[in-house]
């Protein structure tokens, strides 16, 4: 099968199965804690300023620390994902976030809080890019946009959740622990649950093929195809088209500035900058 048909073509002909639904849910929940974490300090800025007796500059450091961490994490952990695989990178990212979010909830002073939020941000830095890459790898092209949008819908629920939880918990001290600390602790515990769920996700067959692990990619696809047929779903014959190269095939960074991609690259940068500026500003 793998000699007659590329992994990409086999993935694109797949119907939506339980595997796809699980991937969308797990990725969406990871995005949930990304947005939850980003908006957490802003939501709690008043109580943090009062609790730690913060002036203007220390408060800015608390607010900015997670964003700086995400910037660093996006650069370095994004590259790590191309080396160790999507699944392992997912576990690494979320594990780092969960641990340091818990540290932030237990922070005895503002210095520990700033450092822990920075490191939690590093863990989340590659989450958005990795989520996009993993879903693009796994989902059939004809349904990719719809199901990626569903994952992000789940993700953006983290914003109102942070706000509503703060309005409930901040005035309280459950079990003698300040309510604002529970906001960080709940984020850490929730991310840990998602980490356990993500252990059930498979590696990306596209990534496996791109790094030369063809037998593993073929075996994984065969397993999914057999499961789809066993559930009564029909797998149509795909159009045989040559695959485009992927990042995992070690394309040089300069490729995004090639004439055929230059306008797309520029537009993507402008769109993402303006989106982040408006959204977080």
Protein backbone atom coordinates (compact mmCIF):
# COMPACT_ATOMS: atom_id res chain seq x y z
CA UNK A 1 0.00 0.00 0.00
CA UNK A 2 2.72 2.48 0.94
CA UNK A 3 4.53 1.95 -2.39
CA UNK A 4 1.38 2.74 -4.41
CA UNK A 5 0.13 5.63 -2.30
CA UNK A 6 1.81 8.31 -0.23
CA UNK A 7 1.15 8.71 3.49
CA UNK A 8 -0.35 12.13 2.75
CA UNK A 9 -2.82 10.65 0.25
CA UNK A 10 -3.80 7.89 2.65
CA UNK A 11 -4.42 10.42 5.43
CA UNK A 12 -6.47 12.67 3.16
CA UNK A 13 -8.81 9.87 2.11
CA UNK A 14 -9.56 8.88 5.72
CA UNK A 15 -13.06 9.51 7.09
CA UNK A 16 -13.35 11.21 10.46
CA UNK A 17 -12.79 8.56 13.12
CA UNK A 18 -12.55 8.38 16.89
CA UNK A 19 -8.81 9.10 16.55
CA UNK A 20 -9.46 12.43 14.83
CA UNK A 21 -12.05 13.44 17.43
CA UNK A 22 -9.68 12.56 20.29
CA UNK A 23 -6.89 14.57 18.65
CA UNK A 24 -9.12 17.63 18.23
CA UNK A 25 -10.30 17.41 21.86
CA UNK A 26 -6.79 16.93 23.29
CA UNK A 27 -5.31 19.73 21.18
CA UNK A 28 -8.25 22.00 21.99
CA UNK A 29 -7.82 21.43 25.72
CA UNK A 30 -4.12 22.24 25.42
CA UNK A 31 -5.03 25.50 23.67
CA UNK A 32 -7.54 26.13 26.46
CA UNK A 33 -4.77 26.25 29.05
CA UNK A 34 -2.65 28.39 26.73
CA UNK A 35 -5.28 31.14 26.65
CA UNK A 36 -6.13 30.56 30.32
CA UNK A 37 -2.49 31.14 31.32
CA UNK A 38 -2.02 34.17 29.10
CA UNK A 39 -5.04 35.98 30.56
CA UNK A 40 -4.48 34.83 34.12
CA UNK A 41 -2.11 37.55 35.30
CA UNK A 42 -4.17 40.30 33.70
CA UNK A 43 -7.30 38.95 35.36
CA UNK A 44 -5.53 38.76 38.73
CA UNK A 45 -3.42 41.91 38.41
CA UNK A 46 -5.39 43.80 41.05
CA UNK A 47 -5.15 41.13 43.73
CA UNK A 48 -1.50 40.36 42.91
CA UNK A 49 -0.63 44.04 43.21
CA UNK A 50 -2.28 44.16 46.62
CA UNK A 51 -0.94 40.81 47.90
CA UNK A 52 2.69 41.46 46.99
CA UNK A 53 2.48 45.26 47.41
CA UNK A 54 3.66 45.75 43.85
CA UNK A 55 4.59 49.03 42.24
CA UNK A 56 4.05 49.73 38.57
CA UNK A 57 7.31 48.19 37.31
CA UNK A 58 7.10 44.88 39.23
CA UNK A 59 3.48 44.50 38.08
CA UNK A 60 4.60 44.97 34.47
CA UNK A 61 7.20 42.23 35.01
CA UNK A 62 4.50 39.85 36.28
CA UNK A 63 2.28 40.62 33.30
CA UNK A 64 5.05 40.41 30.70
CA UNK A 65 6.89 37.34 32.02
CA UNK A 66 4.60 34.72 30.43
CA UNK A 67 4.70 36.50 27.05
CA UNK A 68 8.50 36.66 27.07
CA UNK A 69 8.57 32.97 27.98
CA UNK A 70 6.22 32.14 25.13
CA UNK A 71 8.44 34.03 22.70
CA UNK A 72 11.48 32.00 23.79
CA UNK A 73 9.52 28.74 23.83
CA UNK A 74 8.09 29.32 20.36
CA UNK A 75 11.57 29.72 18.91
CA UNK A 76 13.30 26.81 20.62
CA UNK A 77 10.59 24.26 21.42
CA UNK A 78 9.14 24.65 17.94
CA UNK A 79 12.45 23.41 16.54
CA UNK A 80 12.55 20.63 19.10
CA UNK A 81 9.20 19.36 17.79
CA UNK A 82 10.73 18.81 14.35
CA UNK A 83 13.49 16.73 15.93
CA UNK A 84 11.70 14.60 18.53
CA UNK A 85 8.24 14.41 16.99
CA UNK A 86 4.87 16.10 17.52
CA UNK A 87 3.66 13.77 20.26
CA UNK A 88 6.76 14.04 22.45
CA UNK A 89 6.85 17.80 22.01
CA UNK A 90 3.21 18.03 23.10
CA UNK A 91 4.03 16.15 26.30
CA UNK A 92 7.17 18.22 26.93
CA UNK A 93 5.39 21.55 26.44
CA UNK A 94 2.45 20.74 28.65
CA UNK A 95 4.60 19.09 31.33
CA UNK A 96 6.75 22.22 31.67
CA UNK A 97 3.68 24.43 31.87
CA UNK A 98 1.90 22.28 34.44
CA UNK A 99 4.90 22.12 36.78
CA UNK A 100 5.74 25.81 36.73
CA UNK A 101 2.12 26.90 36.95
CA UNK A 102 1.96 24.94 40.20
CA UNK A 103 5.17 26.67 41.35
CA UNK A 104 3.53 30.02 40.56
CA UNK A 105 0.52 29.12 42.67
CA UNK A 106 2.83 28.42 45.61
CA UNK A 107 5.14 31.41 45.02
CA UNK A 108 6.25 33.00 48.31
CA UNK A 109 7.30 36.26 46.66
CA UNK A 110 7.01 38.19 43.43
CA UNK A 111 10.44 37.08 42.18
CA UNK A 112 9.43 33.41 42.23
CA UNK A 113 6.11 34.31 40.61
CA UNK A 114 7.81 36.13 37.73
CA UNK A 115 10.31 33.33 37.10
CA UNK A 116 7.65 30.61 37.31
CA UNK A 117 5.35 32.43 34.90
CA UNK A 118 8.24 32.94 32.51
CA UNK A 119 9.07 29.22 32.55
CA UNK A 120 5.39 28.26 32.27
CA UNK A 121 5.28 30.53 29.22
CA UNK A 122 8.29 28.74 27.74
CA UNK A 123 6.35 25.48 28.03
CA UNK A 124 3.37 26.97 26.23
CA UNK A 125 5.41 28.86 23.65
CA UNK A 126 5.23 26.27 20.91
CA UNK A 127 1.69 25.14 21.74
CA UNK A 128 -0.14 27.13 19.04
CA UNK A 129 2.28 26.31 16.24
CA UNK A 130 2.49 22.68 17.31
CA UNK A 131 -1.29 22.39 17.53
CA UNK A 132 -1.64 23.70 13.99
CA UNK A 133 1.09 21.39 12.69
CA UNK A 134 -0.27 18.29 14.40
CA UNK A 135 -3.86 18.82 13.26
CA UNK A 136 -2.70 19.65 9.74
CA UNK A 137 -0.69 16.42 9.75
CA UNK A 138 -3.53 14.24 11.01
CA UNK A 139 -6.76 15.65 9.59
CA UNK A 140 -7.90 15.01 6.00
CA UNK A 141 -7.49 18.14 3.88
CA UNK A 142 -11.19 18.49 3.03
CA UNK A 143 -12.13 18.80 6.73
CA UNK A 144 -8.96 20.34 8.15
CA UNK A 145 -10.22 23.90 8.52
CA UNK A 146 -13.50 22.93 10.16
CA UNK A 147 -11.97 20.69 12.82
CA UNK A 148 -9.04 23.02 13.51
CA UNK A 149 -11.61 25.77 14.14
CA UNK A 150 -13.39 23.47 16.61
CA UNK A 151 -10.12 22.91 18.49
CA UNK A 152 -9.56 26.67 18.72
CA UNK A 153 -13.15 27.20 19.86
CA UNK A 154 -12.41 24.93 22.81
CA UNK A 155 -9.13 26.79 23.33
CA UNK A 156 -10.60 30.27 23.50
CA UNK A 157 -13.01 29.19 26.23
CA UNK A 158 -9.98 29.57 28.51
CA UNK A 159 -10.47 33.36 28.47
CA UNK A 160 -13.97 33.57 30.00
CA UNK A 161 -13.14 30.63 32.26
CA UNK A 162 -10.25 32.58 33.79
CA UNK A 163 -12.51 35.58 34.32
CA UNK A 164 -15.42 33.69 35.88
CA UNK A 165 -13.15 31.58 38.09
CA UNK A 166 -11.40 34.71 39.34
CA UNK A 167 -14.71 36.34 40.25
CA UNK A 168 -15.63 33.25 42.28
CA UNK A 169 -12.31 32.23 43.85
CA UNK A 170 -10.42 35.47 44.51
CA UNK A 171 -12.69 36.62 47.40
CA UNK A 172 -12.38 33.15 49.01
CA UNK A 173 -9.64 31.11 50.68
CA UNK A 174 -10.55 27.43 50.15
CA UNK A 175 -8.75 25.18 52.65
CA UNK A 176 -6.88 28.23 53.94
CA UNK A 177 -5.19 28.90 50.57
CA UNK A 178 -5.68 32.28 48.86
CA UNK A 179 -8.17 32.13 46.01
CA UNK A 180 -5.73 33.60 43.49
CA UNK A 181 -3.30 30.75 44.21
CA UNK A 182 -6.03 28.25 43.36
CA UNK A 183 -6.27 29.84 39.92
CA UNK A 184 -2.69 28.77 39.18
CA UNK A 185 -3.07 25.42 40.91
CA UNK A 186 -6.22 24.55 38.95
CA UNK A 187 -4.42 25.47 35.73
CA UNK A 188 -1.58 23.13 36.66
CA UNK A 189 -3.89 20.24 37.60
CA UNK A 190 -6.01 20.67 34.49
CA UNK A 191 -2.94 20.69 32.27
CA UNK A 192 -1.72 17.53 34.00
CA UNK A 193 -4.99 15.78 33.09
CA UNK A 194 -4.57 16.89 29.47
CA UNK A 195 -0.96 15.61 29.58
CA UNK A 196 -2.26 12.16 30.55
CA UNK A 197 -4.83 12.27 27.74
CA UNK A 198 -2.19 13.28 25.21
CA UNK A 199 -0.15 10.19 26.02
CA UNK A 200 -2.85 8.29 24.09
CA UNK A 201 -2.29 10.35 20.94
CA UNK A 202 -0.26 8.74 18.15
CA UNK A 203 2.77 10.24 16.48
CA UNK A 204 2.15 12.04 13.20
CA UNK A 205 2.54 9.62 10.26
CA UNK A 206 3.60 12.54 8.06
CA UNK A 207 6.42 13.36 10.47
CA UNK A 208 7.46 9.72 10.70
CA UNK A 209 7.67 9.51 6.92
CA UNK A 210 9.48 12.85 6.64
CA UNK A 211 12.26 11.69 9.00
CA UNK A 212 12.70 8.37 7.22
CA UNK A 213 10.71 6.10 9.55
CA UNK A 214 8.64 4.75 6.67
CA UNK A 215 7.81 1.35 8.16
CA UNK A 216 6.37 2.93 11.32
CA UNK A 217 4.32 5.40 9.28
CA UNK A 218 2.99 2.61 7.07
CA UNK A 219 2.13 0.37 10.04
CA UNK A 220 0.30 3.23 11.78
CA UNK A 221 -1.71 4.07 8.68
CA UNK A 222 -2.60 0.44 8.08
CA UNK A 223 -3.88 0.16 11.65
CA UNK A 224 -6.09 3.25 11.23
CA UNK A 225 -7.40 2.13 7.86
CA UNK A 226 -8.29 -1.30 9.22
CA UNK A 227 -10.08 0.29 12.18
CA UNK A 228 -12.05 2.59 9.86
CA UNK A 229 -13.12 -0.33 7.66
CA UNK A 230 -14.07 -2.40 10.71
CA UNK A 231 -16.42 0.39 11.80
CA UNK A 232 -18.17 0.23 8.41
CA UNK A 233 -16.63 3.33 6.85
CA UNK A 234 -15.54 3.44 3.22
CA UNK A 235 -12.09 4.64 2.18
CA UNK A 236 -12.20 6.09 -1.33
CA UNK A 237 -9.31 5.86 -3.75
CA UNK A 238 -7.38 9.14 -3.47
CA UNK A 239 -5.93 11.26 -6.21
CA UNK A 240 -2.24 10.46 -6.54
CA UNK A 241 -0.37 13.73 -6.27
CA UNK A 242 3.27 14.33 -5.35
CA UNK A 243 3.68 15.51 -1.77
CA UNK A 244 4.99 18.94 -0.99
CA UNK A 245 8.16 19.06 1.14
CA UNK A 246 7.67 19.63 4.87
CA UNK A 247 9.61 21.42 7.55
CA UNK A 248 10.74 18.07 8.90
CA UNK A 249 12.53 17.47 5.60
CA UNK A 250 14.95 20.22 6.62
CA UNK A 251 13.95 22.92 4.20
CA UNK A 252 16.15 25.98 4.78
CA UNK A 253 14.57 28.94 6.53
CA UNK A 254 15.28 31.01 3.44
CA UNK A 255 12.61 28.97 1.59
CA UNK A 256 9.85 31.11 3.10
CA UNK A 257 11.35 34.12 1.30
CA UNK A 258 11.44 32.41 -2.09
CA UNK A 259 9.42 34.32 -4.73
CA UNK A 260 6.49 31.87 -4.61
CA UNK A 261 6.13 32.21 -0.81
CA UNK A 262 7.33 35.78 -0.16
CA UNK A 263 3.93 37.49 -0.27
CA UNK A 264 2.30 34.74 1.81
CA UNK A 265 5.08 34.95 4.42
CA UNK A 266 4.78 38.73 4.67
CA UNK A 267 0.99 38.61 4.95
CA UNK A 268 1.13 35.91 7.62
CA UNK A 269 3.56 37.97 9.71
CA UNK A 270 1.50 41.16 9.40
CA UNK A 271 -1.73 39.32 10.23
CA UNK A 272 -0.27 37.57 13.28
CA UNK A 273 1.35 40.75 14.61
CA UNK A 274 -1.83 42.79 14.27
CA UNK A 275 -3.93 39.98 15.71
CA UNK A 276 -1.73 39.60 18.79
CA UNK A 277 -1.47 43.38 19.28
CA UNK A 278 -5.23 43.83 19.22
CA UNK A 279 -6.07 40.66 21.09
CA UNK A 280 -3.67 41.04 24.00
CA UNK A 281 -3.20 44.80 23.96
